[in-house]
Amino acid sequence: METTTAVVEQRLVEGELSCPGCGGVLARWGWGRARRLRGRAGLVEVRPRRARCRSCEATHILLPVLSLVRRADVVEVVGAGLELAAAGWGCRRIAERLGRPVTTVRGWLRCWSRRAGRAAAVFTAWLVALADDPAAVLPAPAGSPFRDAVCAVAGFAFAARARLGMLKVPTWLLVSAACHGRLLAPGWPSA
């Protein structure tokens, strides 16, 4: 779980990143196309690293943790929208607050709603694996699968910060790193 490009580059050079397909060693293999993501304060340009497995020769795009697969907004903006919805805000009010189209916010919320139960289970399992005393940090039921999932994310981030010494890393960057940017991607988490 890396949050800086420099660390990822170093780990690629040292052969410490593995292929998600076969487990082989990933090596640098150029760059993906530059992309512009919508951040809180404007556009953020990213150019993801491309890596190639030395064993199976498959290539992979290594997204920066601030991005999510198939999303034009940085993860912190999407996460803020999910948190506001869990607090009872509607998609129009969230869209206005975040400066995003209502259809975009509605898409995030629908997608999260469809996977909320599975996402809550995944983040709770990760929280338990990371926490010194899981019973002390397990979130109480929040009243809906949507809110339960957002609470599980917060609990996971708390446990990850404590265990990994990443005290200053924002919640949603940890979440994106943990799920490899697939938070709202089709098929995540698998059933």
N, C-alpha and C. Protein backbone atom coordinates (compact mmCIF):
# COMPACT_ATOMS: atom_id res chain seq x y z
N MET A 1 0.86 -1.16 0.00
CA MET A 1 0.00 0.00 0.00
C MET A 1 0.91 1.23 0.00
N GLU A 2 1.08 1.83 -1.14
CA GLU A 2 1.98 2.98 -1.26
C GLU A 2 1.20 4.23 -1.60
N THR A 3 1.65 5.35 -1.06
CA THR A 3 0.93 6.60 -1.31
C THR A 3 1.75 7.62 -2.08
N THR A 4 3.00 7.29 -2.45
CA THR A 4 3.80 8.23 -3.23
C THR A 4 4.36 7.54 -4.46
N THR A 5 4.46 8.31 -5.53
CA THR A 5 5.00 7.79 -6.79
C THR A 5 6.45 7.38 -6.63
N ALA A 6 7.22 8.14 -5.87
CA ALA A 6 8.64 7.83 -5.68
C ALA A 6 8.84 6.46 -5.05
N VAL A 7 8.01 6.12 -4.08
CA VAL A 7 8.14 4.82 -3.42
C VAL A 7 7.77 3.70 -4.39
N VAL A 8 6.73 3.90 -5.18
CA VAL A 8 6.34 2.90 -6.18
C VAL A 8 7.47 2.69 -7.18
N GLU A 9 8.06 3.78 -7.66
CA GLU A 9 9.18 3.69 -8.61
C GLU A 9 10.34 2.88 -7.99
N GLN A 10 10.67 3.19 -6.75
CA GLN A 10 11.76 2.49 -6.08
C GLN A 10 11.45 1.00 -5.94
N ARG A 11 10.21 0.68 -5.58
CA ARG A 11 9.82 -0.72 -5.41
C ARG A 11 9.83 -1.46 -6.75
N LEU A 12 9.48 -0.77 -7.84
CA LEU A 12 9.57 -1.39 -9.17
C LEU A 12 11.02 -1.70 -9.52
N VAL A 13 11.90 -0.74 -9.29
CA VAL A 13 13.32 -0.93 -9.58
C VAL A 13 13.89 -2.10 -8.79
N GLU A 14 13.48 -2.22 -7.54
CA GLU A 14 14.00 -3.27 -6.66
C GLU A 14 13.26 -4.61 -6.82
N GLY A 15 12.26 -4.66 -7.72
CA GLY A 15 11.54 -5.91 -7.97
C GLY A 15 10.63 -6.33 -6.84
N GLU A 16 10.09 -5.36 -6.11
CA GLU A 16 9.26 -5.68 -4.94
C GLU A 16 7.76 -5.66 -5.21
N LEU A 17 7.34 -5.34 -6.42
CA LEU A 17 5.91 -5.35 -6.73
C LEU A 17 5.59 -6.59 -7.55
N SER A 18 4.48 -7.23 -7.22
CA SER A 18 4.14 -8.49 -7.89
C SER A 18 2.93 -8.33 -8.80
N CYS A 19 2.89 -9.18 -9.79
CA CYS A 19 1.81 -9.21 -10.78
C CYS A 19 0.53 -9.70 -10.11
N PRO A 20 -0.59 -8.99 -10.29
CA PRO A 20 -1.84 -9.47 -9.69
C PRO A 20 -2.36 -10.74 -10.36
N GLY A 21 -1.89 -11.03 -11.57
CA GLY A 21 -2.34 -12.22 -12.27
C GLY A 21 -1.62 -13.49 -11.88
N CYS A 22 -0.27 -13.43 -11.88
CA CYS A 22 0.50 -14.66 -11.65
C CYS A 22 1.44 -14.58 -10.44
N GLY A 23 1.59 -13.40 -9.86
CA GLY A 23 2.48 -13.26 -8.72
C GLY A 23 3.93 -13.00 -9.09
N GLY A 24 4.23 -12.93 -10.40
CA GLY A 24 5.59 -12.66 -10.85
C GLY A 24 6.01 -11.24 -10.51
N VAL A 25 7.24 -10.91 -10.81
CA VAL A 25 7.81 -9.61 -10.50
C VAL A 25 7.46 -8.60 -11.58
N LEU A 26 6.99 -7.42 -11.17
CA LEU A 26 6.69 -6.35 -12.12
C LEU A 26 7.92 -5.49 -12.35
N ALA A 27 8.07 -5.04 -13.59
CA ALA A 27 9.16 -4.14 -13.96
C ALA A 27 8.57 -2.94 -14.69
N ARG A 28 9.31 -1.83 -14.69
CA ARG A 28 8.84 -0.63 -15.39
C ARG A 28 8.67 -0.93 -16.87
N TRP A 29 7.62 -0.33 -17.46
CA TRP A 29 7.32 -0.59 -18.87
C TRP A 29 6.69 0.66 -19.48
N GLY A 30 7.29 1.80 -19.26
CA GLY A 30 6.79 3.04 -19.84
C GLY A 30 5.69 3.67 -19.01
N TRP A 31 4.87 4.43 -19.70
CA TRP A 31 3.82 5.21 -19.03
C TRP A 31 2.50 5.06 -19.76
N GLY A 32 1.43 5.19 -19.00
CA GLY A 32 0.09 5.26 -19.59
C GLY A 32 -0.15 6.68 -20.10
N ARG A 33 -1.29 6.89 -20.70
CA ARG A 33 -1.59 8.23 -21.20
C ARG A 33 -1.90 9.17 -20.04
N ALA A 34 -1.55 10.43 -20.21
CA ALA A 34 -1.83 11.43 -19.18
C ALA A 34 -3.33 11.61 -19.03
N ARG A 35 -3.77 11.82 -17.82
CA ARG A 35 -5.20 12.00 -17.54
C ARG A 35 -5.37 13.21 -16.62
N ARG A 36 -6.50 13.85 -16.78
CA ARG A 36 -6.85 14.94 -15.88
C ARG A 36 -8.00 14.50 -15.00
N LEU A 37 -7.78 14.59 -13.71
CA LEU A 37 -8.81 14.24 -12.73
C LEU A 37 -9.29 15.52 -12.07
N ARG A 38 -10.55 15.51 -11.67
CA ARG A 38 -11.11 16.66 -10.97
C ARG A 38 -10.83 16.53 -9.48
N GLY A 39 -10.02 17.45 -8.98
CA GLY A 39 -9.70 17.47 -7.55
C GLY A 39 -10.56 18.48 -6.84
N ARG A 40 -10.33 18.65 -5.56
CA ARG A 40 -11.09 19.62 -4.77
C ARG A 40 -10.85 21.04 -5.25
N ALA A 41 -9.61 21.35 -5.63
CA ALA A 41 -9.27 22.72 -5.99
C ALA A 41 -9.05 22.91 -7.49
N GLY A 42 -9.44 21.96 -8.30
CA GLY A 42 -9.25 22.09 -9.74
C GLY A 42 -8.73 20.79 -10.34
N LEU A 43 -8.24 20.88 -11.56
CA LEU A 43 -7.78 19.70 -12.27
C LEU A 43 -6.41 19.25 -11.76
N VAL A 44 -6.25 17.94 -11.71
CA VAL A 44 -4.99 17.32 -11.30
C VAL A 44 -4.55 16.42 -12.46
N GLU A 45 -3.35 16.67 -12.97
CA GLU A 45 -2.87 15.83 -14.07
C GLU A 45 -2.04 14.69 -13.53
N VAL A 46 -2.36 13.49 -14.00
CA VAL A 46 -1.60 12.30 -13.61
C VAL A 46 -1.18 11.55 -14.86
N ARG A 47 -0.04 10.92 -14.78
CA ARG A 47 0.43 10.04 -15.85
C ARG A 47 0.83 8.73 -15.19
N PRO A 48 -0.06 7.73 -15.25
CA PRO A 48 0.20 6.49 -14.51
C PRO A 48 1.35 5.68 -15.11
N ARG A 49 2.06 5.02 -14.25
CA ARG A 49 3.16 4.14 -14.64
C ARG A 49 2.59 2.86 -15.24
N ARG A 50 3.20 2.38 -16.28
CA ARG A 50 2.86 1.07 -16.85
C ARG A 50 3.95 0.10 -16.38
N ALA A 51 3.53 -1.11 -16.01
CA ALA A 51 4.47 -2.14 -15.57
C ALA A 51 4.19 -3.42 -16.33
N ARG A 52 5.25 -4.24 -16.48
CA ARG A 52 5.11 -5.51 -17.19
C ARG A 52 5.64 -6.62 -16.31
N CYS A 53 4.89 -7.70 -16.27
CA CYS A 53 5.30 -8.86 -15.48
C CYS A 53 6.43 -9.59 -16.19
N ARG A 54 7.49 -9.90 -15.46
CA ARG A 54 8.63 -10.61 -16.04
C ARG A 54 8.31 -12.08 -16.32
N SER A 55 7.27 -12.61 -15.68
CA SER A 55 6.91 -14.02 -15.87
C SER A 55 5.87 -14.20 -16.98
N CYS A 56 4.69 -13.62 -16.79
CA CYS A 56 3.60 -13.85 -17.75
C CYS A 56 3.56 -12.79 -18.86
N GLU A 57 4.38 -11.75 -18.75
CA GLU A 57 4.50 -10.66 -19.72
C GLU A 57 3.24 -9.81 -19.87
N ALA A 58 2.30 -9.93 -18.95
CA ALA A 58 1.12 -9.07 -18.97
C ALA A 58 1.53 -7.67 -18.53
N THR A 59 0.87 -6.67 -19.10
CA THR A 59 1.15 -5.30 -18.68
C THR A 59 0.02 -4.79 -17.79
N HIS A 60 0.37 -3.87 -16.90
CA HIS A 60 -0.58 -3.32 -15.94
C HIS A 60 -0.36 -1.82 -15.82
N ILE A 61 -1.44 -1.10 -15.61
CA ILE A 61 -1.35 0.33 -15.31
C ILE A 61 -1.39 0.46 -13.79
N LEU A 62 -0.42 1.17 -13.23
CA LEU A 62 -0.36 1.39 -11.79
C LEU A 62 -0.91 2.78 -11.51
N LEU A 63 -2.16 2.83 -11.11
CA LEU A 63 -2.82 4.11 -10.86
C LEU A 63 -2.29 4.76 -9.59
N PRO A 64 -2.17 6.08 -9.60
CA PRO A 64 -1.84 6.75 -8.33
C PRO A 64 -3.00 6.59 -7.35
N VAL A 65 -2.71 6.57 -6.06
CA VAL A 65 -3.75 6.31 -5.07
C VAL A 65 -4.84 7.37 -5.04
N LEU A 66 -4.59 8.52 -5.60
CA LEU A 66 -5.63 9.55 -5.60
C LEU A 66 -6.70 9.29 -6.65
N SER A 67 -6.49 8.30 -7.51
CA SER A 67 -7.45 8.03 -8.57
C SER A 67 -8.19 6.72 -8.36
N LEU A 68 -9.35 6.63 -8.96
CA LEU A 68 -10.15 5.41 -8.94
C LEU A 68 -10.36 4.94 -10.37
N VAL A 69 -10.43 3.64 -10.56
CA VAL A 69 -10.68 3.07 -11.88
C VAL A 69 -12.00 3.61 -12.43
N ARG A 70 -11.96 4.09 -13.65
CA ARG A 70 -13.15 4.57 -14.39
C ARG A 70 -13.84 5.77 -13.76
N ARG A 71 -13.11 6.58 -13.02
CA ARG A 71 -13.70 7.77 -12.41
C ARG A 71 -12.88 9.00 -12.77
N ALA A 72 -13.56 10.10 -13.00
CA ALA A 72 -12.90 11.36 -13.38
C ALA A 72 -12.58 12.23 -12.18
N ASP A 73 -13.03 11.83 -11.00
CA ASP A 73 -12.79 12.61 -9.79
C ASP A 73 -11.80 11.89 -8.90
N VAL A 74 -11.00 12.67 -8.16
CA VAL A 74 -10.05 12.05 -7.23
C VAL A 74 -10.83 11.35 -6.12
N VAL A 75 -10.22 10.36 -5.50
CA VAL A 75 -10.89 9.53 -4.50
C VAL A 75 -11.36 10.36 -3.30
N GLU A 76 -10.64 11.40 -2.94
CA GLU A 76 -11.06 12.20 -1.78
C GLU A 76 -12.37 12.93 -2.05
N VAL A 77 -12.63 13.32 -3.28
CA VAL A 77 -13.89 13.97 -3.62
C VAL A 77 -15.02 12.94 -3.58
N VAL A 78 -14.78 11.79 -4.18
CA VAL A 78 -15.79 10.72 -4.17
C VAL A 78 -16.08 10.30 -2.72
N GLY A 79 -15.03 10.13 -1.94
CA GLY A 79 -15.19 9.75 -0.53
C GLY A 79 -15.98 10.78 0.26
N ALA A 80 -15.70 12.06 0.00
CA ALA A 80 -16.47 13.11 0.69
C ALA A 80 -17.94 13.01 0.34
N GLY A 81 -18.23 12.70 -0.92
CA GLY A 81 -19.62 12.53 -1.33
C GLY A 81 -20.29 11.35 -0.62
N LEU A 82 -19.56 10.25 -0.48
CA LEU A 82 -20.10 9.08 0.22
C LEU A 82 -20.33 9.39 1.70
N GLU A 83 -19.42 10.11 2.30
CA GLU A 83 -19.59 10.49 3.71
C GLU A 83 -20.79 11.40 3.91
N LEU A 84 -20.97 12.36 3.01
CA LEU A 84 -22.12 13.27 3.12
C LEU A 84 -23.43 12.50 2.94
N ALA A 85 -23.44 11.56 2.00
CA ALA A 85 -24.65 10.75 1.80
C ALA A 85 -24.94 9.91 3.04
N ALA A 86 -23.89 9.36 3.66
CA ALA A 86 -24.08 8.57 4.88
C ALA A 86 -24.62 9.44 6.01
N ALA A 87 -24.33 10.74 5.96
CA ALA A 87 -24.82 11.67 6.98
C ALA A 87 -26.24 12.17 6.67
N GLY A 88 -26.82 11.67 5.57
CA GLY A 88 -28.19 12.01 5.25
C GLY A 88 -28.39 13.03 4.14
N TRP A 89 -27.32 13.49 3.51
CA TRP A 89 -27.46 14.46 2.43
C TRP A 89 -27.96 13.77 1.17
N GLY A 90 -28.73 14.49 0.37
CA GLY A 90 -29.19 13.99 -0.92
C GLY A 90 -28.18 14.31 -2.02
N CYS A 91 -28.35 13.66 -3.17
CA CYS A 91 -27.35 13.81 -4.24
C CYS A 91 -27.29 15.24 -4.79
N ARG A 92 -28.40 15.96 -4.84
CA ARG A 92 -28.36 17.35 -5.33
C ARG A 92 -27.56 18.26 -4.40
N ARG A 93 -27.78 18.11 -3.12
CA ARG A 93 -27.05 18.92 -2.15
C ARG A 93 -25.55 18.58 -2.14
N ILE A 94 -25.24 17.29 -2.26
CA ILE A 94 -23.84 16.86 -2.33
C ILE A 94 -23.18 17.42 -3.58
N ALA A 95 -23.89 17.33 -4.70
CA ALA A 95 -23.34 17.83 -5.97
C ALA A 95 -23.05 19.32 -5.88
N GLU A 96 -23.95 20.04 -5.26
CA GLU A 96 -23.75 21.49 -5.09
C GLU A 96 -22.54 21.75 -4.20
N ARG A 97 -22.42 21.04 -3.10
CA ARG A 97 -21.32 21.23 -2.16
C ARG A 97 -19.97 20.92 -2.80
N LEU A 98 -19.93 19.85 -3.61
CA LEU A 98 -18.66 19.39 -4.20
C LEU A 98 -18.39 19.99 -5.58
N GLY A 99 -19.37 20.70 -6.13
CA GLY A 99 -19.18 21.29 -7.45
C GLY A 99 -19.13 20.26 -8.57
N ARG A 100 -19.95 19.24 -8.44
CA ARG A 100 -20.00 18.16 -9.43
C ARG A 100 -21.40 18.06 -10.01
N PRO A 101 -21.53 17.48 -11.21
CA PRO A 101 -22.88 17.26 -11.76
C PRO A 101 -23.69 16.30 -10.89
N VAL A 102 -24.97 16.55 -10.80
CA VAL A 102 -25.86 15.68 -10.01
C VAL A 102 -25.79 14.25 -10.53
N THR A 103 -25.72 14.08 -11.84
CA THR A 103 -25.67 12.72 -12.41
C THR A 103 -24.41 11.98 -11.98
N THR A 104 -23.32 12.69 -11.84
CA THR A 104 -22.07 12.07 -11.38
C THR A 104 -22.22 11.59 -9.94
N VAL A 105 -22.71 12.45 -9.08
CA VAL A 105 -22.89 12.09 -7.67
C VAL A 105 -23.90 10.96 -7.54
N ARG A 106 -24.97 11.04 -8.29
CA ARG A 106 -25.98 9.97 -8.24
C ARG A 106 -25.34 8.64 -8.65
N GLY A 107 -24.46 8.66 -9.63
CA GLY A 107 -23.75 7.45 -10.05
C GLY A 107 -22.89 6.87 -8.94
N TRP A 108 -22.15 7.73 -8.22
CA TRP A 108 -21.33 7.26 -7.09
C TRP A 108 -22.22 6.57 -6.05
N LEU A 109 -23.33 7.25 -5.72
CA LEU A 109 -24.19 6.75 -4.64
C LEU A 109 -24.88 5.45 -5.03
N ARG A 110 -25.32 5.35 -6.26
CA ARG A 110 -25.95 4.11 -6.71
C ARG A 110 -24.95 2.97 -6.69
N CYS A 111 -23.76 3.24 -7.19
CA CYS A 111 -22.72 2.22 -7.24
C CYS A 111 -22.37 1.75 -5.82
N TRP A 112 -22.18 2.69 -4.90
CA TRP A 112 -21.84 2.35 -3.52
C TRP A 112 -22.98 1.58 -2.87
N SER A 113 -24.22 1.98 -3.14
CA SER A 113 -25.39 1.30 -2.56
C SER A 113 -25.45 -0.16 -3.00
N ARG A 114 -25.12 -0.42 -4.26
CA ARG A 114 -25.17 -1.80 -4.76
C ARG A 114 -24.13 -2.70 -4.10
N ARG A 115 -23.00 -2.16 -3.71
CA ARG A 115 -21.93 -2.97 -3.15
C ARG A 115 -21.72 -2.75 -1.67
N ALA A 116 -22.56 -1.96 -1.03
CA ALA A 116 -22.34 -1.55 0.36
C ALA A 116 -22.17 -2.72 1.31
N GLY A 117 -23.02 -3.73 1.22
CA GLY A 117 -22.92 -4.87 2.14
C GLY A 117 -21.60 -5.60 1.98
N ARG A 118 -21.21 -5.86 0.74
CA ARG A 118 -19.94 -6.56 0.49
C ARG A 118 -18.76 -5.69 0.89
N ALA A 119 -18.83 -4.38 0.58
CA ALA A 119 -17.74 -3.47 0.93
C ALA A 119 -17.58 -3.38 2.45
N ALA A 120 -18.69 -3.33 3.16
CA ALA A 120 -18.62 -3.28 4.62
C ALA A 120 -17.93 -4.53 5.16
N ALA A 121 -18.25 -5.68 4.59
CA ALA A 121 -17.63 -6.94 5.03
C ALA A 121 -16.13 -6.93 4.76
N VAL A 122 -15.72 -6.46 3.58
CA VAL A 122 -14.30 -6.43 3.22
C VAL A 122 -13.53 -5.48 4.13
N PHE A 123 -14.04 -4.25 4.29
CA PHE A 123 -13.32 -3.28 5.12
C PHE A 123 -13.31 -3.68 6.60
N THR A 124 -14.37 -4.32 7.05
CA THR A 124 -14.40 -4.81 8.43
C THR A 124 -13.37 -5.93 8.63
N ALA A 125 -13.27 -6.82 7.65
CA ALA A 125 -12.26 -7.90 7.74
C ALA A 125 -10.85 -7.32 7.75
N TRP A 126 -10.61 -6.31 6.92
CA TRP A 126 -9.28 -5.67 6.91
C TRP A 126 -9.02 -4.96 8.24
N LEU A 127 -10.05 -4.33 8.77
CA LEU A 127 -9.92 -3.65 10.07
C LEU A 127 -9.52 -4.66 11.15
N VAL A 128 -10.20 -5.80 11.18
CA VAL A 128 -9.92 -6.83 12.18
C VAL A 128 -8.50 -7.35 12.01
N ALA A 129 -8.05 -7.51 10.77
CA ALA A 129 -6.69 -8.01 10.52
C ALA A 129 -5.62 -7.02 10.98
N LEU A 130 -5.94 -5.73 10.96
CA LEU A 130 -4.96 -4.69 11.30
C LEU A 130 -4.99 -4.26 12.76
N ALA A 131 -6.13 -4.35 13.39
CA ALA A 131 -6.30 -3.79 14.74
C ALA A 131 -5.67 -4.67 15.81
N ASP A 132 -5.06 -4.02 16.80
CA ASP A 132 -4.52 -4.75 17.94
C ASP A 132 -5.64 -5.36 18.77
N ASP A 133 -6.72 -4.60 18.94
CA ASP A 133 -7.89 -5.07 19.68
C ASP A 133 -9.12 -4.80 18.82
N PRO A 134 -9.46 -5.73 17.91
CA PRO A 134 -10.57 -5.49 16.98
C PRO A 134 -11.88 -5.15 17.66
N ALA A 135 -12.16 -5.74 18.82
CA ALA A 135 -13.43 -5.47 19.51
C ALA A 135 -13.53 -4.01 19.91
N ALA A 136 -12.40 -3.37 20.18
CA ALA A 136 -12.41 -1.97 20.62
C ALA A 136 -12.67 -1.00 19.47
N VAL A 137 -12.40 -1.43 18.23
CA VAL A 137 -12.55 -0.50 17.10
C VAL A 137 -13.63 -0.88 16.10
N LEU A 138 -14.30 -2.00 16.33
CA LEU A 138 -15.36 -2.39 15.40
C LEU A 138 -16.49 -1.36 15.44
N PRO A 139 -16.89 -0.86 14.28
CA PRO A 139 -17.97 0.13 14.28
C PRO A 139 -19.31 -0.52 14.63
N ALA A 140 -20.12 0.22 15.34
CA ALA A 140 -21.47 -0.23 15.66
C ALA A 140 -22.33 -0.13 14.40
N PRO A 141 -23.39 -0.92 14.31
CA PRO A 141 -24.28 -0.78 13.16
C PRO A 141 -24.76 0.65 13.03
N ALA A 142 -24.74 1.16 11.79
CA ALA A 142 -25.07 2.57 11.56
C ALA A 142 -26.49 2.78 11.04
N GLY A 143 -27.22 1.71 10.83
CA GLY A 143 -28.62 1.86 10.45
C GLY A 143 -28.96 1.54 9.02
N SER A 144 -27.97 1.43 8.16
CA SER A 144 -28.22 1.03 6.77
C SER A 144 -26.94 0.44 6.21
N PRO A 145 -27.04 -0.41 5.20
CA PRO A 145 -25.82 -0.96 4.59
C PRO A 145 -24.89 0.13 4.07
N PHE A 146 -25.46 1.19 3.50
CA PHE A 146 -24.66 2.30 2.98
C PHE A 146 -23.82 2.92 4.10
N ARG A 147 -24.49 3.27 5.19
CA ARG A 147 -23.78 3.90 6.31
C ARG A 147 -22.83 2.92 7.00
N ASP A 148 -23.24 1.64 7.09
CA ASP A 148 -22.35 0.63 7.67
C ASP A 148 -21.05 0.54 6.89
N ALA A 149 -21.14 0.61 5.56
CA ALA A 149 -19.95 0.51 4.71
C ALA A 149 -19.04 1.72 4.91
N VAL A 150 -19.61 2.92 5.00
CA VAL A 150 -18.80 4.12 5.23
C VAL A 150 -18.13 4.05 6.60
N CYS A 151 -18.84 3.56 7.60
CA CYS A 151 -18.26 3.40 8.94
C CYS A 151 -17.14 2.35 8.93
N ALA A 152 -17.32 1.28 8.17
CA ALA A 152 -16.27 0.26 8.07
C ALA A 152 -15.03 0.83 7.41
N VAL A 153 -15.21 1.70 6.41
CA VAL A 153 -14.09 2.37 5.76
C VAL A 153 -13.33 3.22 6.78
N ALA A 154 -14.06 3.99 7.57
CA ALA A 154 -13.42 4.84 8.58
C ALA A 154 -12.67 4.00 9.61
N GLY A 155 -13.26 2.89 10.03
CA GLY A 155 -12.60 2.01 10.99
C GLY A 155 -11.35 1.39 10.41
N PHE A 156 -11.43 0.94 9.16
CA PHE A 156 -10.25 0.38 8.49
C PHE A 156 -9.13 1.41 8.42
N ALA A 157 -9.47 2.64 8.02
CA ALA A 157 -8.45 3.68 7.88
C ALA A 157 -7.79 3.98 9.23
N PHE A 158 -8.58 4.01 10.28
CA PHE A 158 -8.04 4.23 11.63
C PHE A 158 -7.04 3.12 11.99
N ALA A 159 -7.45 1.86 11.77
CA ALA A 159 -6.59 0.72 12.10
C ALA A 159 -5.34 0.71 11.22
N ALA A 160 -5.48 1.05 9.94
CA ALA A 160 -4.33 1.07 9.02
C ALA A 160 -3.33 2.13 9.43
N ARG A 161 -3.83 3.30 9.78
CA ARG A 161 -2.92 4.37 10.22
C ARG A 161 -2.14 3.95 11.46
N ALA A 162 -2.85 3.37 12.41
CA ALA A 162 -2.21 2.96 13.66
C ALA A 162 -1.19 1.84 13.43
N ARG A 163 -1.55 0.84 12.65
CA ARG A 163 -0.67 -0.32 12.44
C ARG A 163 0.51 0.01 11.54
N LEU A 164 0.27 0.77 10.49
CA LEU A 164 1.30 1.01 9.48
C LEU A 164 2.07 2.30 9.69
N GLY A 165 1.70 3.05 10.72
CA GLY A 165 2.41 4.30 10.99
C GLY A 165 2.17 5.37 9.94
N MET A 166 1.02 5.34 9.32
CA MET A 166 0.68 6.31 8.27
C MET A 166 -0.29 7.33 8.83
N LEU A 167 0.08 7.98 9.91
CA LEU A 167 -0.83 8.84 10.65
C LEU A 167 -1.34 10.03 9.86
N LYS A 168 -0.59 10.50 8.89
CA LYS A 168 -1.00 11.70 8.15
C LYS A 168 -1.66 11.39 6.81
N VAL A 169 -1.78 10.12 6.45
CA VAL A 169 -2.37 9.76 5.17
C VAL A 169 -3.89 9.85 5.27
N PRO A 170 -4.54 10.63 4.39
CA PRO A 170 -6.00 10.76 4.45
C PRO A 170 -6.72 9.42 4.25
N THR A 171 -7.86 9.31 4.87
CA THR A 171 -8.67 8.09 4.83
C THR A 171 -8.86 7.55 3.43
N TRP A 172 -9.31 8.39 2.52
CA TRP A 172 -9.69 7.89 1.21
C TRP A 172 -8.49 7.50 0.36
N LEU A 173 -7.31 8.04 0.63
CA LEU A 173 -6.11 7.58 -0.07
C LEU A 173 -5.75 6.17 0.41
N LEU A 174 -5.87 5.91 1.71
CA LEU A 174 -5.65 4.56 2.24
C LEU A 174 -6.64 3.57 1.63
N VAL A 175 -7.88 3.99 1.53
CA VAL A 175 -8.92 3.13 0.96
C VAL A 175 -8.61 2.79 -0.49
N SER A 176 -8.25 3.80 -1.27
CA SER A 176 -7.92 3.58 -2.68
C SER A 176 -6.73 2.64 -2.83
N ALA A 177 -5.71 2.84 -1.98
CA ALA A 177 -4.55 1.95 -2.04
C ALA A 177 -4.94 0.51 -1.69
N ALA A 178 -5.76 0.36 -0.68
CA ALA A 178 -6.14 -0.98 -0.22
C ALA A 178 -6.95 -1.74 -1.26
N CYS A 179 -7.81 -1.04 -1.97
CA CYS A 179 -8.66 -1.73 -2.97
C CYS A 179 -8.13 -1.55 -4.39
N HIS A 180 -6.90 -1.06 -4.50
CA HIS A 180 -6.23 -0.88 -5.80
C HIS A 180 -7.04 0.01 -6.74
N GLY A 181 -7.66 1.03 -6.18
CA GLY A 181 -8.42 1.98 -6.99
C GLY A 181 -9.75 1.45 -7.51
N ARG A 182 -10.15 0.29 -7.06
CA ARG A 182 -11.36 -0.35 -7.61
C ARG A 182 -12.61 -0.11 -6.76
N LEU A 183 -12.58 0.85 -5.88
CA LEU A 183 -13.68 1.09 -4.94
C LEU A 183 -15.05 1.09 -5.62
N LEU A 184 -15.17 1.74 -6.77
CA LEU A 184 -16.45 1.80 -7.48
C LEU A 184 -16.38 1.10 -8.84
N ALA A 185 -15.36 0.28 -9.04
CA ALA A 185 -15.19 -0.41 -10.32
C ALA A 185 -16.09 -1.65 -10.38
N PRO A 186 -16.50 -2.02 -11.59
CA PRO A 186 -17.32 -3.23 -11.72
C PRO A 186 -16.60 -4.46 -11.15
N GLY A 187 -17.34 -5.26 -10.42
CA GLY A 187 -16.80 -6.51 -9.90
C GLY A 187 -16.07 -6.41 -8.56
N TRP A 188 -15.97 -5.19 -8.01
CA TRP A 188 -15.32 -5.06 -6.70
C TRP A 188 -16.35 -4.75 -5.65
N PRO A 189 -16.28 -5.29 -4.49
CA PRO A 189 -15.53 -6.51 -4.18
C PRO A 189 -16.23 -7.72 -4.76
N SER A 190 -15.46 -8.74 -5.06
CA SER A 190 -16.08 -9.92 -5.66
C SER A 190 -17.00 -10.59 -4.64
N ALA A 191 -18.04 -11.18 -5.15
CA ALA A 191 -19.05 -11.79 -4.28
C ALA A 191 -18.55 -13.00 -3.56
